[in-house]
C-alpha atoms as a PDB file:
ATOM      1  CA  MET A   1     102.570 117.405 105.922  1.00  0.00           C
ATOM      2  CA  THR A   2     100.611 119.238 108.579  1.00  0.00           C
ATOM      3  CA  ASP A   3      97.243 119.464 106.847  1.00  0.00           C
ATOM      4  CA  PRO A   4      94.784 117.118 108.632  1.00  0.00           C
ATOM      5  CA  GLU A   5      92.682 116.902 105.485  1.00  0.00           C
ATOM      6  CA  GLU A   6      95.648 115.525 103.577  1.00  0.00           C
ATOM      7  CA  ILE A   7      96.457 113.063 106.355  1.00  0.00           C
ATOM      8  CA  TYR A   8      92.915 111.626 106.372  1.00  0.00           C
ATOM      9  CA  TYR A   9      93.020 111.188 102.604  1.00  0.00           C
ATOM     10  CA  LEU A  10      96.503 109.677 102.458  1.00  0.00           C
ATOM     11  CA  ARG A  11      95.805 107.241 105.285  1.00  0.00           C
ATOM     12  CA  ALA A  12      92.823 105.867 103.380  1.00  0.00           C
ATOM     13  CA  LEU A  13      94.735 105.817 100.090  1.00  0.00           C
ATOM     14  CA  VAL A  14      97.660 103.866 101.547  1.00  0.00           C
ATOM     15  CA  LEU A  15      95.382 101.322 103.221  1.00  0.00           C
ATOM     16  CA  LEU A  16      93.425 100.866 100.004  1.00  0.00           C
ATOM     17  CA  LYS A  17      96.579 100.465  97.907  1.00  0.00           C
ATOM     18  CA  LEU A  18      98.040  97.907 100.313  1.00  0.00           C
ATOM     19  CA  GLY A  19      95.239  95.544  99.448  1.00  0.00           C
ATOM     20  CA  SER A  20      93.718  93.067 101.797  1.00  0.00           C
ATOM     21  CA  GLU A  21      93.892  89.710 100.045  1.00  0.00           C
ATOM     22  CA  GLU A  22      96.901  88.648 102.096  1.00  0.00           C
ATOM     23  CA  LEU A  23      95.477  89.826 105.415  1.00  0.00           C
ATOM     24  CA  ALA A  24      93.488  87.841 107.933  1.00  0.00           C
ATOM     25  CA  VAL A  25      89.751  88.494 108.010  1.00  0.00           C
ATOM     26  CA  GLU A  26      89.969  90.569 111.185  1.00  0.00           C
ATOM     27  CA  GLU A  27      92.703  92.756 109.707  1.00  0.00           C
ATOM     28  CA  GLN A  28      90.651  93.228 106.530  1.00  0.00           C
ATOM     29  CA  LYS A  29      87.681  94.394 108.596  1.00  0.00           C
ATOM     30  CA  LYS A  30      89.893  96.763 110.569  1.00  0.00           C
ATOM     31  CA  ASN A  31      91.362  98.264 107.398  1.00  0.00           C
ATOM     32  CA  HIS A  32      87.921  98.651 105.830  1.00  0.00           C
ATOM     33  CA  LEU A  33      86.687 100.497 108.897  1.00  0.00           C
ATOM     34  CA  LEU A  34      89.750 102.755 108.898  1.00  0.00           C
ATOM     35  CA  ILE A  35      89.398 103.547 105.180  1.00  0.00           C
ATOM     36  CA  GLU A  36      85.731 104.390 105.482  1.00  0.00           C
ATOM     37  CA  ALA A  37      86.218 106.378 108.699  1.00  0.00           C
ATOM     38  CA  SER A  38      89.115 108.387 107.279  1.00  0.00           C
ATOM     39  CA  LEU A  39      87.258 109.356 104.128  1.00  0.00           C
ATOM     40  CA  THR A  40      83.882 110.088 105.712  1.00  0.00           C
ATOM     41  CA  THR A  41      85.538 112.122 108.479  1.00  0.00           C
ATOM     42  CA  ASN A  42      87.500 114.061 105.905  1.00  0.00           C
ATOM     43  CA  LEU A  43      84.328 114.833 103.961  1.00  0.00           C
ATOM     44  CA  ALA A  44      82.414 115.783 107.113  1.00  0.00           C
ATOM     45  CA  LEU A  45      85.117 118.101 108.455  1.00  0.00           C
ATOM     46  CA  TYR A  46      86.283 119.574 105.146  1.00  0.00           C
ATOM     47  CA  PRO A  47      83.377 119.336 102.656  1.00  0.00           C
ATOM     48  CA  ASN A  48      84.846 122.082 100.454  1.00  0.00           C
ATOM     49  CA  GLY A  49      88.508 121.352 101.077  1.00  0.00           C
ATOM     50  CA  LYS A  50      91.178 120.649  98.527  1.00  0.00           C
ATOM     51  CA  PHE A  51      90.940 116.892  99.161  1.00  0.00           C
ATOM     52  CA  ALA A  52      87.127 116.685  99.206  1.00  0.00           C
ATOM     53  CA  ASP A  53      86.780 115.593  95.574  1.00  0.00           C
ATOM     54  CA  LEU A  54      89.607 113.097  95.891  1.00  0.00           C
ATOM     55  CA  SER A  55      88.127 111.696  99.100  1.00  0.00           C
ATOM     56  CA  LEU A  56      84.690 111.321  97.560  1.00  0.00           C
ATOM     57  CA  ASN A  57      86.172 109.625  94.502  1.00  0.00           C
ATOM     58  CA  LEU A  58      88.235 107.247  96.651  1.00  0.00           C
ATOM     59  CA  LEU A  59      85.228 106.456  98.844  1.00  0.00           C
ATOM     60  CA  GLY A  60      83.207 105.590  95.741  1.00  0.00           C
ATOM     61  CA  LEU A  61      86.019 103.366  94.483  1.00  0.00           C
ATOM     62  CA  PHE A  62      86.239 101.685  97.884  1.00  0.00           C
ATOM     63  CA  TYR A  63      82.502 100.950  97.915  1.00  0.00           C
ATOM     64  CA  TYR A  64      82.607  99.729  94.314  1.00  0.00           C
ATOM     65  CA  GLN A  65      85.524  97.375  94.956  1.00  0.00           C
ATOM     66  CA  ASN A  66      83.654  95.932  97.927  1.00  0.00           C
ATOM     67  CA  LYS A  67      80.416  95.657  95.925  1.00  0.00           C
ATOM     68  CA  GLU A  68      78.645  98.007  98.347  1.00  0.00           C
ATOM     69  CA  TYR A  69      76.421  99.754  95.832  1.00  0.00           C
END
C-alpha cells in the first residue's frame, strides 16, 4: 500500500469503524478531526482519483452520523 490516496481513505474508514462511544470526549474530538481532515485532504489532492467517490461517500456518512447536515 503505497498510494497516498488509499492511505487517506483507509485511515478515515478505520477511525469511523472503530466507533467513538467508548472513547473519552477529547479522543472523540481528535478522531473526528482526523476523519474529516483525511477525507477532505484526499478530495482536495485527488479530486478525480480512484478513491474520490468513496471518500466523498464516507464524508457524507460521517456528517450524517454526527447530524452535521
